[in-house]
Amino acid sequence: MTTFDVLYQRKIGARYPVNGGKDGKLLKDLRAIYSDLEIEAFMAAFFTMEDPFFREAGYSLGCFRACLPKVIRYCHEKLAKAKAAPISAVLPMLADPTWRPSVDCIHGRGCYTRATCEAYERNRERTA
């Protein structure tokens, strides 16, 4: 949920209004199908797509889940145009091609997305 919140804040400028039970179940169901890395990359792509429906739906987690096939197709099309490696190899770079985990991750964890790195740092500060 932290990655979604960070991406939401970047796009909207406010924290995501979490609906604990409903949103938690959506994420749990997604984790039964996809890895955390895939989910994070799909979330990042969701927030970079300029789709009027996403905007009208308020970029909610429910909208993300309902439109996930569209997001996945977008990712595959973006990679096909670039004639890149298989999607599993480049998912982390879809949203931020300038992010280099081994160089840019400030805490040495090798986070695959900037959002993940920022979320990790924010959580670390909260628990310190």
Protein backbone atom coordinates (compact mmCIF):
# COMPACT_ATOMS: atom_id res chain seq x y z
CA MET A 1 0.00 0.00 0.00
CA THR A 2 2.92 2.32 0.65
CA THR A 3 4.01 2.38 -3.00
CA PHE A 4 0.48 3.21 -4.12
CA ASP A 5 0.30 6.00 -1.54
CA VAL A 6 3.62 7.53 -2.67
CA LEU A 7 2.59 7.41 -6.34
CA TYR A 8 -0.84 8.82 -5.50
CA GLN A 9 0.74 11.70 -3.55
CA ARG A 10 2.97 12.52 -6.51
CA LYS A 11 0.05 12.56 -8.92
CA ILE A 12 -2.67 14.16 -6.76
CA GLY A 13 -0.72 16.03 -4.08
CA ALA A 14 -2.42 14.39 -1.08
CA ARG A 15 -2.30 11.08 0.79
CA TYR A 16 -4.43 8.25 -0.57
CA PRO A 17 -7.62 7.79 1.50
CA VAL A 18 -7.14 4.12 2.36
CA ASN A 19 -10.17 1.91 2.84
CA GLY A 20 -8.37 -0.71 4.95
CA GLY A 21 -10.53 -3.77 4.46
CA LYS A 22 -11.42 -3.26 0.82
CA ASP A 23 -8.00 -2.03 -0.31
CA GLY A 24 -6.20 -4.67 1.74
CA LYS A 25 -8.22 -7.43 0.08
CA LEU A 26 -7.52 -6.01 -3.38
CA LEU A 27 -3.78 -6.05 -2.72
CA LYS A 28 -3.91 -9.51 -1.18
CA ASP A 29 -5.73 -10.83 -4.25
CA LEU A 30 -3.17 -9.22 -6.56
CA ARG A 31 -0.27 -10.72 -4.59
CA ALA A 32 -1.75 -14.16 -5.18
CA ILE A 33 -1.20 -13.59 -8.92
CA TYR A 34 1.71 -11.17 -9.29
CA SER A 35 5.02 -10.53 -7.50
CA ASP A 36 5.46 -7.35 -5.46
CA LEU A 37 7.84 -6.08 -8.14
CA GLU A 38 5.24 -6.58 -10.87
CA ILE A 39 2.54 -4.90 -8.80
CA GLU A 40 4.77 -1.89 -8.10
CA ALA A 41 5.64 -1.56 -11.79
CA PHE A 42 1.99 -1.80 -12.80
CA MET A 43 1.12 0.84 -10.20
CA ALA A 44 3.83 3.13 -11.54
CA ALA A 45 2.54 2.66 -15.10
CA PHE A 46 -1.04 3.31 -13.93
CA PHE A 47 -0.04 6.72 -12.62
CA THR A 48 1.93 7.64 -15.75
CA MET A 49 -0.88 6.77 -18.18
CA GLU A 50 -2.95 9.76 -19.22
CA ASP A 51 -6.33 8.05 -19.23
CA PRO A 52 -9.50 10.13 -18.74
CA PHE A 53 -11.23 7.27 -16.94
CA PHE A 54 -8.43 6.98 -14.37
CA ARG A 55 -8.62 10.72 -13.76
CA GLU A 56 -12.42 10.68 -13.40
CA ALA A 57 -12.25 7.68 -11.06
CA GLY A 58 -9.78 9.58 -8.88
CA TYR A 59 -6.84 7.20 -9.39
CA SER A 60 -8.26 4.85 -6.76
CA LEU A 61 -6.93 1.42 -5.94
CA GLY A 62 -10.26 -0.01 -7.08
CA CYS A 63 -9.82 1.69 -10.44
CA PHE A 64 -6.27 0.34 -10.66
CA ARG A 65 -7.51 -3.21 -10.05
CA ALA A 66 -10.44 -2.90 -12.43
CA CYS A 67 -8.23 -1.49 -15.19
CA LEU A 68 -5.22 -3.74 -14.58
CA PRO A 69 -5.60 -5.57 -17.93
CA LYS A 70 -5.41 -2.18 -19.67
CA VAL A 71 -2.32 -1.25 -17.63
CA ILE A 72 -0.62 -4.57 -18.43
CA ARG A 73 -1.40 -4.15 -22.14
CA TYR A 74 0.08 -0.64 -21.97
CA CYS A 75 3.27 -2.05 -20.44
CA HIS A 76 3.58 -4.76 -23.07
CA GLU A 77 2.95 -2.28 -25.92
CA LYS A 78 5.51 0.14 -24.53
CA LEU A 79 8.09 -2.64 -24.41
CA ALA A 80 7.19 -3.95 -27.87
CA LYS A 81 7.75 -0.49 -29.36
CA ALA A 82 11.15 -0.36 -27.71
CA LYS A 83 11.90 -3.94 -28.84
CA ALA A 84 13.10 -4.53 -25.31
CA ALA A 85 13.73 -7.57 -23.18
CA PRO A 86 10.83 -9.59 -21.71
CA ILE A 87 8.52 -7.58 -19.49
CA SER A 88 9.71 -9.27 -16.31
CA ALA A 89 13.22 -7.95 -16.94
CA VAL A 90 12.24 -4.33 -17.42
CA LEU A 91 9.10 -3.73 -15.37
CA PRO A 92 10.96 -1.59 -12.83
CA MET A 93 12.04 0.89 -15.47
CA LEU A 94 8.65 1.47 -17.08
CA ALA A 95 7.68 4.43 -14.96
CA ASP A 96 11.10 6.02 -14.49
CA PRO A 97 13.71 5.07 -17.08
CA THR A 98 16.29 7.27 -15.35
CA TRP A 99 16.12 5.27 -12.09
CA ARG A 100 19.20 3.07 -11.59
CA PRO A 101 18.71 0.85 -8.51
CA SER A 102 22.38 0.17 -7.90
CA VAL A 103 23.29 3.88 -8.11
CA ASP A 104 20.20 5.85 -7.07
CA CYS A 105 18.95 3.80 -4.11
CA ILE A 106 20.22 5.85 -1.17
CA HIS A 107 20.00 3.16 1.48
CA GLY A 108 21.68 0.30 -0.39
CA ARG A 109 18.61 -1.91 -0.70
CA GLY A 110 18.60 -1.75 -4.49
CA CYS A 111 14.95 -0.67 -4.72
CA TYR A 112 13.58 -1.18 -8.20
CA THR A 113 11.54 2.03 -8.31
CA ARG A 114 11.96 5.52 -6.90
CA ALA A 115 8.58 5.19 -5.19
CA THR A 116 9.68 2.04 -3.39
CA CYS A 117 12.88 3.70 -2.24
CA GLU A 118 11.04 6.77 -0.95
CA ALA A 119 8.44 4.62 0.79
CA TYR A 120 11.16 2.56 2.48
CA GLU A 121 12.87 5.71 3.72
CA ARG A 122 9.61 7.22 4.99
CA ASN A 123 8.73 4.05 6.88
CA ARG A 124 12.25 3.82 8.30
CA GLU A 125 11.98 7.39 9.60
CA ARG A 126 8.58 6.66 11.19
CA THR A 127 9.86 3.61 13.04
CA ALA A 128 13.17 5.17 14.14
